């Protein structure tokens, strides 16, 4: 997966209706944010080879964030239905 400062390209987006992501907060609690969408990301891995991975995208603290690249990310939460 791409690191927080690593360049990546989004190849496609996939709806994420009902999905949420859970993050640690600075005060030791946690917060949940609804996913904007799933993204198919293209990036170079640690061996400088092309890699693709599906990652959730959320709006967190006013910025679009790939969940797995955020150090506070805990887990994805599926829809309750």
C-alpha atoms as a PDB file:
ATOM      1  CA  UNK A   1       0.000   0.000   0.000  1.00  0.00           C
ATOM      2  CA  UNK A   2       1.229   3.532  -0.607  1.00  0.00           C
ATOM      3  CA  UNK A   3       2.757   5.392   2.309  1.00  0.00           C
ATOM      4  CA  UNK A   4       1.425   8.730   3.519  1.00  0.00           C
ATOM      5  CA  UNK A   5       3.863  10.698   1.327  1.00  0.00           C
ATOM      6  CA  UNK A   6       4.155   8.229  -1.553  1.00  0.00           C
ATOM      7  CA  UNK A   7       2.796   9.119  -4.975  1.00  0.00           C
ATOM      8  CA  UNK A   8      -0.051   7.033  -6.312  1.00  0.00           C
ATOM      9  CA  UNK A   9      -2.684   7.161  -9.031  1.00  0.00           C
ATOM     10  CA  UNK A  10      -6.327   6.262  -8.641  1.00  0.00           C
ATOM     11  CA  UNK A  11      -7.282   3.984 -11.525  1.00  0.00           C
ATOM     12  CA  UNK A  12     -10.977   3.679 -10.644  1.00  0.00           C
ATOM     13  CA  UNK A  13     -13.482   4.290  -7.892  1.00  0.00           C
ATOM     14  CA  UNK A  14     -16.123   1.925  -6.525  1.00  0.00           C
ATOM     15  CA  UNK A  15     -19.192   2.906  -4.463  1.00  0.00           C
ATOM     16  CA  UNK A  16     -18.873   2.252  -0.720  1.00  0.00           C
ATOM     17  CA  UNK A  17     -22.461   2.755   0.391  1.00  0.00           C
ATOM     18  CA  UNK A  18     -22.831   2.154   4.131  1.00  0.00           C
ATOM     19  CA  UNK A  19     -19.129   1.437   4.796  1.00  0.00           C
ATOM     20  CA  UNK A  20     -17.225   3.329   7.507  1.00  0.00           C
ATOM     21  CA  UNK A  21     -13.629   3.510   8.708  1.00  0.00           C
ATOM     22  CA  UNK A  22     -12.541   3.660  12.350  1.00  0.00           C
ATOM     23  CA  UNK A  23      -9.565   5.798  13.430  1.00  0.00           C
ATOM     24  CA  UNK A  24      -7.717   6.510  16.681  1.00  0.00           C
ATOM     25  CA  UNK A  25      -8.020  10.136  17.817  1.00  0.00           C
ATOM     26  CA  UNK A  26      -5.335  12.212  19.540  1.00  0.00           C
ATOM     27  CA  UNK A  27      -7.182  11.989  22.880  1.00  0.00           C
ATOM     28  CA  UNK A  28      -7.106   8.172  22.947  1.00  0.00           C
ATOM     29  CA  UNK A  29     -10.687   7.628  21.792  1.00  0.00           C
ATOM     30  CA  UNK A  30     -11.776   6.643  18.299  1.00  0.00           C
ATOM     31  CA  UNK A  31     -13.920   8.127  15.552  1.00  0.00           C
ATOM     32  CA  UNK A  32     -15.810   6.655  12.640  1.00  0.00           C
ATOM     33  CA  UNK A  33     -16.005   8.319   9.237  1.00  0.00           C
ATOM     34  CA  UNK A  34     -18.184   7.235   6.297  1.00  0.00           C
ATOM     35  CA  UNK A  35     -16.258   6.084   3.248  1.00  0.00           C
ATOM     36  CA  UNK A  36     -16.569   8.353   0.228  1.00  0.00           C
ATOM     37  CA  UNK A  37     -15.679   5.414  -2.023  1.00  0.00           C
ATOM     38  CA  UNK A  38     -13.302   2.516  -2.538  1.00  0.00           C
ATOM     39  CA  UNK A  39     -10.339   3.315  -4.781  1.00  0.00           C
ATOM     40  CA  UNK A  40      -8.208   1.074  -6.971  1.00  0.00           C
ATOM     41  CA  UNK A  41      -4.768   2.645  -6.483  1.00  0.00           C
ATOM     42  CA  UNK A  42      -1.693   2.131  -8.633  1.00  0.00           C
ATOM     43  CA  UNK A  43       1.664   2.781  -6.909  1.00  0.00           C
ATOM     44  CA  UNK A  44       5.243   1.532  -6.697  1.00  0.00           C
ATOM     45  CA  UNK A  45       5.947  -0.921  -3.889  1.00  0.00           C
ATOM     46  CA  UNK A  46       9.135  -1.180  -1.799  1.00  0.00           C
ATOM     47  CA  UNK A  47      10.822  -3.059  -4.678  1.00  0.00           C
ATOM     48  CA  UNK A  48      10.020  -0.276  -7.217  1.00  0.00           C
ATOM     49  CA  UNK A  49       7.473  -2.512  -8.921  1.00  0.00           C
ATOM     50  CA  UNK A  50       3.939  -1.474  -9.869  1.00  0.00           C
ATOM     51  CA  UNK A  51       1.313  -2.608  -7.400  1.00  0.00           C
ATOM     52  CA  UNK A  52      -2.448  -2.175  -7.213  1.00  0.00           C
ATOM     53  CA  UNK A  53      -4.603  -2.214  -4.124  1.00  0.00           C
ATOM     54  CA  UNK A  54      -8.182  -1.325  -3.189  1.00  0.00           C
ATOM     55  CA  UNK A  55      -8.264   1.265  -0.394  1.00  0.00           C
ATOM     56  CA  UNK A  56     -11.059   3.211   1.286  1.00  0.00           C
ATOM     57  CA  UNK A  57     -11.188   6.987   0.893  1.00  0.00           C
ATOM     58  CA  UNK A  58     -12.635   9.245   3.627  1.00  0.00           C
ATOM     59  CA  UNK A  59     -12.842  12.927   4.478  1.00  0.00           C
ATOM     60  CA  UNK A  60     -10.910  13.379   7.723  1.00  0.00           C
ATOM     61  CA  UNK A  61     -10.072  16.740   9.305  1.00  0.00           C
ATOM     62  CA  UNK A  62     -10.999  18.478   6.057  1.00  0.00           C
ATOM     63  CA  UNK A  63      -8.734  16.341   3.847  1.00  0.00           C
ATOM     64  CA  UNK A  64      -9.303  13.338   1.616  1.00  0.00           C
ATOM     65  CA  UNK A  65      -7.385  10.438   3.128  1.00  0.00           C
ATOM     66  CA  UNK A  66      -6.666   6.885   1.978  1.00  0.00           C
ATOM     67  CA  UNK A  67      -7.554   4.995   5.153  1.00  0.00           C
ATOM     68  CA  UNK A  68      -4.723   2.448   5.107  1.00  0.00           C
ATOM     69  CA  UNK A  69      -2.172   5.260   4.689  1.00  0.00           C
ATOM     70  CA  UNK A  70      -3.335   7.134   7.808  1.00  0.00           C
ATOM     71  CA  UNK A  71      -1.391   6.175  10.948  1.00  0.00           C
ATOM     72  CA  UNK A  72      -4.591   6.390  13.027  1.00  0.00           C
ATOM     73  CA  UNK A  73      -6.510   3.883  10.879  1.00  0.00           C
ATOM     74  CA  UNK A  74      -7.886   0.890  12.795  1.00  0.00           C
ATOM     75  CA  UNK A  75     -10.365  -0.956  10.576  1.00  0.00           C
ATOM     76  CA  UNK A  76     -13.150  -0.861   8.016  1.00  0.00           C
ATOM     77  CA  UNK A  77     -16.704  -1.304   9.284  1.00  0.00           C
ATOM     78  CA  UNK A  78     -19.151  -2.993   6.885  1.00  0.00           C
ATOM     79  CA  UNK A  79     -22.761  -1.837   6.420  1.00  0.00           C
ATOM     80  CA  UNK A  80     -25.136  -3.032   9.140  1.00  0.00           C
ATOM     81  CA  UNK A  81     -27.750  -4.425   6.733  1.00  0.00           C
END
